[in-house]
């Protein structure tokens, strides 16, 4: 069967969230609720993608930028569809969208415990960095 890569829409939310929840290495939190995802997709139109086979979402990735740098989040492919180049196609779609928006560099975050994820990104030409640390702070709702 043919897997089609297309832009993600908010109507994909339930299927995409189910995919993310079923895949190891994807960390979800309040920023991944429907309202937040809707705002992200509106702010970054045509940059996040899903892989669809018939009516099923078998892969997904969030992509956006801050005007200077691009960011990829939550790349996931269902276990039954891995090793078919779907993740590479999703990433390529994101990078093409970023390039079209004039963004010249892209970052992503990988859990240090996600060795499979680290291996994937290195295999497709990404450089793992050990010169950065990530700091986060949760802001209380208004």
N, C-alpha and C. Protein backbone atom coordinates (compact mmCIF):
# COMPACT_ATOMS: atom_id res chain seq x y z
N UNK A 1 0.83 -1.17 0.00
CA UNK A 1 0.00 0.00 0.00
C UNK A 1 0.88 1.25 0.00
N UNK A 2 0.34 2.32 -0.52
CA UNK A 2 1.10 3.55 -0.65
C UNK A 2 0.94 4.43 0.58
N UNK A 3 2.06 4.93 1.07
CA UNK A 3 2.06 5.87 2.18
C UNK A 3 2.25 7.27 1.59
N UNK A 4 1.31 8.15 1.90
CA UNK A 4 1.33 9.52 1.39
C UNK A 4 1.76 10.45 2.52
N UNK A 5 2.68 11.35 2.21
CA UNK A 5 3.10 12.38 3.16
C UNK A 5 2.30 13.63 2.83
N UNK A 6 1.63 14.20 3.85
CA UNK A 6 0.83 15.40 3.62
C UNK A 6 0.92 16.29 4.86
N UNK A 7 0.59 17.57 4.70
CA UNK A 7 0.61 18.47 5.87
C UNK A 7 -0.36 18.00 6.95
N UNK A 8 0.05 18.16 8.19
CA UNK A 8 -0.80 17.82 9.33
C UNK A 8 -1.86 18.91 9.49
N UNK A 9 -3.06 18.48 9.87
CA UNK A 9 -4.13 19.41 10.23
C UNK A 9 -4.62 19.06 11.63
N UNK A 10 -5.36 19.96 12.23
CA UNK A 10 -5.85 19.71 13.58
C UNK A 10 -6.82 18.52 13.60
N UNK A 11 -7.45 18.22 12.48
CA UNK A 11 -8.35 17.06 12.44
C UNK A 11 -7.58 15.75 12.60
N UNK A 12 -6.27 15.79 12.43
CA UNK A 12 -5.42 14.60 12.63
C UNK A 12 -5.08 14.38 14.10
N UNK A 13 -5.46 15.30 14.98
CA UNK A 13 -4.97 15.29 16.35
C UNK A 13 -5.15 13.94 17.06
N UNK A 14 -6.34 13.39 17.06
CA UNK A 14 -6.57 12.15 17.81
C UNK A 14 -5.68 11.01 17.32
N UNK A 15 -5.58 10.87 16.00
CA UNK A 15 -4.76 9.79 15.44
C UNK A 15 -3.27 10.04 15.70
N UNK A 16 -2.85 11.29 15.59
CA UNK A 16 -1.44 11.62 15.83
C UNK A 16 -1.09 11.40 17.30
N UNK A 17 -1.95 11.86 18.19
CA UNK A 17 -1.69 11.66 19.63
C UNK A 17 -1.63 10.17 19.97
N UNK A 18 -2.52 9.37 19.39
CA UNK A 18 -2.48 7.93 19.62
C UNK A 18 -1.17 7.34 19.12
N UNK A 19 -0.69 7.80 17.98
CA UNK A 19 0.60 7.33 17.46
C UNK A 19 1.72 7.70 18.41
N UNK A 20 1.78 8.98 18.80
CA UNK A 20 2.84 9.42 19.70
C UNK A 20 2.82 8.64 21.00
N UNK A 21 1.65 8.40 21.53
CA UNK A 21 1.52 7.67 22.80
C UNK A 21 2.02 6.23 22.66
N UNK A 22 1.87 5.66 21.48
CA UNK A 22 2.26 4.26 21.27
C UNK A 22 3.74 4.08 20.95
N UNK A 23 4.46 5.17 20.71
CA UNK A 23 5.86 5.08 20.31
C UNK A 23 6.78 5.49 21.45
N UNK A 24 7.78 4.67 21.68
CA UNK A 24 8.78 4.97 22.70
C UNK A 24 9.59 6.19 22.28
N UNK A 25 10.07 6.93 23.26
CA UNK A 25 10.95 8.07 22.97
C UNK A 25 10.22 9.37 22.70
N UNK A 26 8.88 9.37 22.71
CA UNK A 26 8.13 10.61 22.50
C UNK A 26 7.56 11.04 23.84
N UNK A 27 7.98 12.20 24.31
CA UNK A 27 7.50 12.71 25.59
C UNK A 27 6.41 13.74 25.37
N UNK A 28 5.25 13.48 25.92
CA UNK A 28 4.12 14.40 25.76
C UNK A 28 3.82 15.10 27.08
N UNK A 29 3.28 16.32 26.97
CA UNK A 29 2.89 17.08 28.16
C UNK A 29 1.76 18.03 27.79
N UNK A 30 1.49 19.03 28.64
CA UNK A 30 0.39 19.96 28.39
C UNK A 30 0.55 20.73 27.08
N UNK A 31 1.75 20.90 26.61
CA UNK A 31 1.97 21.61 25.35
C UNK A 31 1.46 20.81 24.16
N UNK A 32 1.05 19.57 24.38
CA UNK A 32 0.58 18.70 23.31
C UNK A 32 -0.93 18.48 23.33
N UNK A 33 -1.65 19.35 24.04
CA UNK A 33 -3.11 19.27 24.05
C UNK A 33 -3.64 19.88 22.75
N UNK A 34 -4.89 19.60 22.39
CA UNK A 34 -5.41 20.06 21.09
C UNK A 34 -5.30 21.56 20.86
N UNK A 35 -5.60 22.38 21.86
CA UNK A 35 -5.56 23.84 21.66
C UNK A 35 -4.14 24.30 21.35
N UNK A 36 -3.17 23.73 22.04
CA UNK A 36 -1.78 24.12 21.81
C UNK A 36 -1.30 23.66 20.44
N UNK A 37 -1.69 22.46 20.05
CA UNK A 37 -1.29 21.96 18.73
C UNK A 37 -1.95 22.81 17.63
N UNK A 38 -3.20 23.17 17.81
CA UNK A 38 -3.89 24.03 16.84
C UNK A 38 -3.11 25.35 16.67
N UNK A 39 -2.74 25.97 17.77
CA UNK A 39 -1.99 27.23 17.71
C UNK A 39 -0.65 27.04 17.01
N UNK A 40 0.02 25.93 17.28
CA UNK A 40 1.31 25.64 16.66
C UNK A 40 1.15 25.49 15.15
N UNK A 41 0.13 24.76 14.72
CA UNK A 41 -0.09 24.54 13.29
C UNK A 41 -0.46 25.86 12.59
N UNK A 42 -1.21 26.71 13.25
CA UNK A 42 -1.57 28.01 12.67
C UNK A 42 -0.33 28.90 12.56
N UNK A 43 0.51 28.87 13.57
CA UNK A 43 1.73 29.70 13.58
C UNK A 43 2.76 29.21 12.56
N UNK A 44 2.74 27.93 12.27
CA UNK A 44 3.72 27.31 11.36
C UNK A 44 2.99 26.54 10.25
N UNK A 45 2.23 27.23 9.40
CA UNK A 45 1.40 26.53 8.42
C UNK A 45 2.21 25.72 7.41
N UNK A 46 1.74 24.50 7.15
CA UNK A 46 2.35 23.65 6.13
C UNK A 46 3.72 23.12 6.48
N UNK A 47 4.10 23.13 7.75
CA UNK A 47 5.43 22.68 8.13
C UNK A 47 5.44 21.35 8.89
N UNK A 48 4.33 20.97 9.48
CA UNK A 48 4.23 19.69 10.18
C UNK A 48 3.54 18.71 9.24
N UNK A 49 3.93 17.44 9.34
CA UNK A 49 3.46 16.46 8.36
C UNK A 49 3.02 15.16 9.02
N UNK A 50 2.14 14.45 8.30
CA UNK A 50 1.76 13.10 8.68
C UNK A 50 2.04 12.19 7.50
N UNK A 51 2.25 10.91 7.82
CA UNK A 51 2.34 9.86 6.82
C UNK A 51 1.04 9.07 6.94
N UNK A 52 0.32 8.96 5.83
CA UNK A 52 -0.99 8.32 5.86
C UNK A 52 -1.02 7.15 4.89
N UNK A 53 -1.52 6.02 5.38
CA UNK A 53 -1.74 4.84 4.56
C UNK A 53 -3.22 4.52 4.64
N UNK A 54 -3.91 4.62 3.53
CA UNK A 54 -5.37 4.53 3.51
C UNK A 54 -5.92 5.56 4.50
N UNK A 55 -6.68 5.14 5.49
CA UNK A 55 -7.23 6.09 6.46
C UNK A 55 -6.42 6.17 7.75
N UNK A 56 -5.29 5.48 7.81
CA UNK A 56 -4.51 5.42 9.05
C UNK A 56 -3.31 6.35 9.00
N UNK A 57 -3.08 7.05 10.11
CA UNK A 57 -1.87 7.85 10.28
C UNK A 57 -0.80 6.91 10.81
N UNK A 58 0.28 6.74 10.03
CA UNK A 58 1.34 5.80 10.41
C UNK A 58 2.64 6.52 10.77
N UNK A 59 2.66 7.84 10.62
CA UNK A 59 3.84 8.63 10.97
C UNK A 59 3.44 10.08 11.15
N UNK A 60 4.22 10.80 11.95
CA UNK A 60 3.93 12.22 12.18
C UNK A 60 5.17 12.93 12.69
N UNK A 61 5.22 14.23 12.41
CA UNK A 61 6.29 15.07 12.93
C UNK A 61 5.79 16.51 13.02
N UNK A 62 6.16 17.18 14.08
CA UNK A 62 5.89 18.60 14.23
C UNK A 62 7.11 19.38 13.76
N UNK A 63 6.88 20.48 13.08
CA UNK A 63 7.97 21.32 12.59
C UNK A 63 7.52 22.77 12.65
N UNK A 64 8.42 23.61 13.08
CA UNK A 64 8.15 25.03 13.11
C UNK A 64 9.45 25.81 13.22
N UNK A 65 9.33 27.12 13.32
CA UNK A 65 10.53 27.95 13.45
C UNK A 65 10.21 29.20 14.25
N UNK A 66 11.27 29.85 14.70
CA UNK A 66 11.13 31.08 15.47
C UNK A 66 11.58 32.30 14.66
N UNK A 67 11.75 32.11 13.36
CA UNK A 67 12.23 33.19 12.50
C UNK A 67 13.72 33.09 12.20
N UNK A 68 14.44 32.34 13.02
CA UNK A 68 15.88 32.14 12.84
C UNK A 68 16.23 30.68 12.64
N UNK A 69 15.69 29.84 13.52
CA UNK A 69 16.02 28.42 13.53
C UNK A 69 14.75 27.59 13.46
N UNK A 70 14.88 26.44 12.80
CA UNK A 70 13.77 25.50 12.75
C UNK A 70 13.89 24.49 13.88
N UNK A 71 12.76 23.87 14.20
CA UNK A 71 12.72 22.86 15.26
C UNK A 71 11.81 21.72 14.84
N UNK A 72 12.30 20.51 15.03
CA UNK A 72 11.49 19.31 14.80
C UNK A 72 11.16 18.70 16.16
N UNK A 73 9.93 18.22 16.28
CA UNK A 73 9.48 17.60 17.52
C UNK A 73 8.63 16.37 17.21
N UNK A 74 8.71 15.41 18.08
CA UNK A 74 7.79 14.26 18.08
C UNK A 74 7.77 13.46 16.77
N UNK A 75 8.91 13.27 16.15
CA UNK A 75 8.95 12.38 14.98
C UNK A 75 8.64 10.96 15.44
N UNK A 76 7.64 10.36 14.83
CA UNK A 76 7.27 8.99 15.19
C UNK A 76 6.71 8.27 13.97
N UNK A 77 7.05 6.99 13.86
CA UNK A 77 6.49 6.10 12.84
C UNK A 77 6.04 4.85 13.57
N UNK A 78 4.86 4.36 13.23
CA UNK A 78 4.35 3.16 13.89
C UNK A 78 5.35 2.01 13.70
N UNK A 79 5.51 1.18 14.72
CA UNK A 79 6.48 0.08 14.61
C UNK A 79 6.28 -0.79 13.37
N UNK A 80 5.06 -1.02 12.95
CA UNK A 80 4.79 -1.87 11.79
C UNK A 80 5.21 -1.21 10.47
N UNK A 81 5.50 0.09 10.49
CA UNK A 81 5.85 0.80 9.26
C UNK A 81 7.28 1.33 9.26
N UNK A 82 8.07 0.91 10.21
CA UNK A 82 9.45 1.39 10.27
C UNK A 82 10.33 0.70 9.23
N UNK A 83 11.46 1.32 8.96
CA UNK A 83 12.47 0.80 8.02
C UNK A 83 11.94 0.77 6.59
N UNK A 84 11.06 1.71 6.28
CA UNK A 84 10.54 1.85 4.92
C UNK A 84 10.83 3.24 4.36
N UNK A 85 11.60 4.05 5.10
CA UNK A 85 11.94 5.38 4.65
C UNK A 85 10.91 6.45 4.99
N UNK A 86 9.89 6.09 5.77
CA UNK A 86 8.83 7.05 6.10
C UNK A 86 9.37 8.19 6.95
N UNK A 87 10.16 7.88 7.95
CA UNK A 87 10.72 8.93 8.82
C UNK A 87 11.59 9.88 8.00
N UNK A 88 12.39 9.34 7.13
CA UNK A 88 13.24 10.19 6.28
C UNK A 88 12.38 11.11 5.41
N UNK A 89 11.29 10.58 4.86
CA UNK A 89 10.40 11.39 4.02
C UNK A 89 9.74 12.50 4.83
N UNK A 90 9.33 12.18 6.06
CA UNK A 90 8.74 13.20 6.92
C UNK A 90 9.76 14.30 7.22
N UNK A 91 10.98 13.91 7.57
CA UNK A 91 12.03 14.88 7.86
C UNK A 91 12.35 15.72 6.63
N UNK A 92 12.45 15.10 5.47
CA UNK A 92 12.74 15.83 4.23
C UNK A 92 11.65 16.86 3.94
N UNK A 93 10.40 16.50 4.18
CA UNK A 93 9.30 17.43 3.96
C UNK A 93 9.43 18.64 4.88
N UNK A 94 9.78 18.40 6.14
CA UNK A 94 9.97 19.49 7.09
C UNK A 94 11.12 20.39 6.67
N UNK A 95 12.24 19.80 6.31
CA UNK A 95 13.41 20.60 5.94
C UNK A 95 13.15 21.42 4.69
N UNK A 96 12.39 20.87 3.74
CA UNK A 96 12.05 21.63 2.54
C UNK A 96 11.15 22.82 2.90
N UNK A 97 10.21 22.61 3.83
CA UNK A 97 9.33 23.70 4.25
C UNK A 97 10.12 24.79 4.97
N UNK A 98 11.06 24.38 5.81
CA UNK A 98 11.89 25.36 6.51
C UNK A 98 12.76 26.14 5.53
N UNK A 99 13.35 25.43 4.60
CA UNK A 99 14.20 26.10 3.61
C UNK A 99 13.39 27.10 2.79
N UNK A 100 12.17 26.73 2.40
CA UNK A 100 11.30 27.63 1.64
C UNK A 100 10.95 28.88 2.45
N UNK A 101 10.95 28.75 3.78
CA UNK A 101 10.67 29.90 4.65
C UNK A 101 11.92 30.71 4.97
N UNK A 102 13.06 30.33 4.38
CA UNK A 102 14.30 31.07 4.60
C UNK A 102 15.05 30.69 5.86
N UNK A 103 14.72 29.53 6.43
CA UNK A 103 15.38 29.06 7.65
C UNK A 103 16.56 28.19 7.24
N UNK A 104 17.75 28.51 7.76
CA UNK A 104 18.97 27.82 7.33
C UNK A 104 19.51 26.77 8.28
N UNK A 105 18.92 26.63 9.45
CA UNK A 105 19.42 25.65 10.41
C UNK A 105 18.25 25.11 11.22
N UNK A 106 18.35 23.84 11.59
CA UNK A 106 17.26 23.21 12.32
C UNK A 106 17.81 22.44 13.52
N UNK A 107 17.07 22.48 14.60
CA UNK A 107 17.44 21.77 15.83
C UNK A 107 16.34 20.78 16.20
N UNK A 108 16.69 19.84 17.05
CA UNK A 108 15.71 18.93 17.64
C UNK A 108 16.23 18.47 18.98
N UNK A 109 15.34 17.95 19.77
CA UNK A 109 15.69 17.45 21.10
C UNK A 109 15.44 15.95 21.13
N UNK A 110 16.39 15.23 21.72
CA UNK A 110 16.27 13.78 21.86
C UNK A 110 16.54 13.45 23.32
N UNK A 111 15.67 12.67 23.92
CA UNK A 111 15.94 12.23 25.28
C UNK A 111 17.28 11.48 25.31
N UNK A 112 18.08 11.76 26.32
CA UNK A 112 19.39 11.09 26.41
C UNK A 112 19.24 9.58 26.53
N UNK A 113 18.11 9.11 27.00
CA UNK A 113 17.88 7.66 27.12
C UNK A 113 17.38 7.03 25.82
N UNK A 114 17.11 7.84 24.81
CA UNK A 114 16.55 7.33 23.55
C UNK A 114 17.68 7.02 22.57
N UNK A 115 18.33 5.91 22.78
CA UNK A 115 19.47 5.52 21.93
C UNK A 115 19.04 5.24 20.50
N UNK A 116 17.87 4.62 20.31
CA UNK A 116 17.40 4.37 18.94
C UNK A 116 17.19 5.69 18.20
N UNK A 117 16.63 6.67 18.89
CA UNK A 117 16.43 7.98 18.27
C UNK A 117 17.75 8.63 17.91
N UNK A 118 18.71 8.58 18.82
CA UNK A 118 20.02 9.16 18.54
C UNK A 118 20.66 8.47 17.34
N UNK A 119 20.54 7.15 17.29
CA UNK A 119 21.11 6.40 16.16
C UNK A 119 20.46 6.80 14.85
N UNK A 120 19.13 6.95 14.84
CA UNK A 120 18.43 7.34 13.63
C UNK A 120 18.93 8.69 13.12
N UNK A 121 18.95 9.69 14.01
CA UNK A 121 19.33 11.03 13.57
C UNK A 121 20.77 11.06 13.06
N UNK A 122 21.66 10.36 13.72
CA UNK A 122 23.04 10.30 13.23
C UNK A 122 23.11 9.61 11.87
N UNK A 123 22.35 8.55 11.72
CA UNK A 123 22.36 7.79 10.47
C UNK A 123 21.93 8.65 9.28
N UNK A 124 21.02 9.60 9.52
CA UNK A 124 20.56 10.43 8.40
C UNK A 124 21.31 11.77 8.32
N UNK A 125 22.44 11.85 9.03
CA UNK A 125 23.35 12.98 8.83
C UNK A 125 23.26 14.12 9.82
N UNK A 126 22.56 13.93 10.92
CA UNK A 126 22.48 14.98 11.94
C UNK A 126 23.63 14.81 12.92
N UNK A 127 24.12 15.92 13.42
CA UNK A 127 25.24 15.92 14.37
C UNK A 127 24.70 16.03 15.79
N UNK A 128 25.00 15.02 16.60
CA UNK A 128 24.65 15.10 18.02
C UNK A 128 25.65 16.01 18.69
N UNK A 129 25.16 16.92 19.53
CA UNK A 129 26.01 17.90 20.17
C UNK A 129 26.13 17.59 21.66
N UNK A 130 27.33 17.79 22.17
CA UNK A 130 27.52 17.62 23.62
C UNK A 130 27.96 18.94 24.27
N UNK A 131 27.88 20.02 23.49
CA UNK A 131 28.28 21.33 23.99
C UNK A 131 27.11 22.17 24.49
N UNK A 132 25.91 21.59 24.49
CA UNK A 132 24.72 22.31 24.93
C UNK A 132 24.02 21.57 26.06
N UNK A 133 23.36 22.32 26.87
CA UNK A 133 22.47 21.76 27.88
C UNK A 133 21.11 22.42 27.67
N UNK A 134 20.06 21.73 27.98
CA UNK A 134 18.72 22.28 27.83
C UNK A 134 18.17 22.58 29.20
N UNK A 135 17.60 23.75 29.35
CA UNK A 135 16.93 24.13 30.59
C UNK A 135 15.48 24.44 30.26
N UNK A 136 14.57 24.06 31.13
CA UNK A 136 13.15 24.29 30.90
C UNK A 136 12.51 24.89 32.14
N UNK A 137 11.44 25.61 31.92
CA UNK A 137 10.67 26.14 33.03
C UNK A 137 9.21 26.14 32.63
N UNK A 138 8.37 25.60 33.46
CA UNK A 138 6.94 25.59 33.21
C UNK A 138 6.33 26.89 33.71
N UNK A 139 5.57 27.53 32.84
CA UNK A 139 4.90 28.76 33.20
C UNK A 139 3.50 28.44 33.67
N UNK A 140 3.07 29.05 34.72
CA UNK A 140 1.72 28.80 35.22
C UNK A 140 0.70 29.39 34.25
N UNK A 141 -0.44 28.74 34.12
CA UNK A 141 -1.47 29.27 33.21
C UNK A 141 -1.96 30.63 33.67
N UNK A 142 -2.36 31.45 32.70
CA UNK A 142 -2.84 32.80 33.01
C UNK A 142 -4.21 32.78 33.64
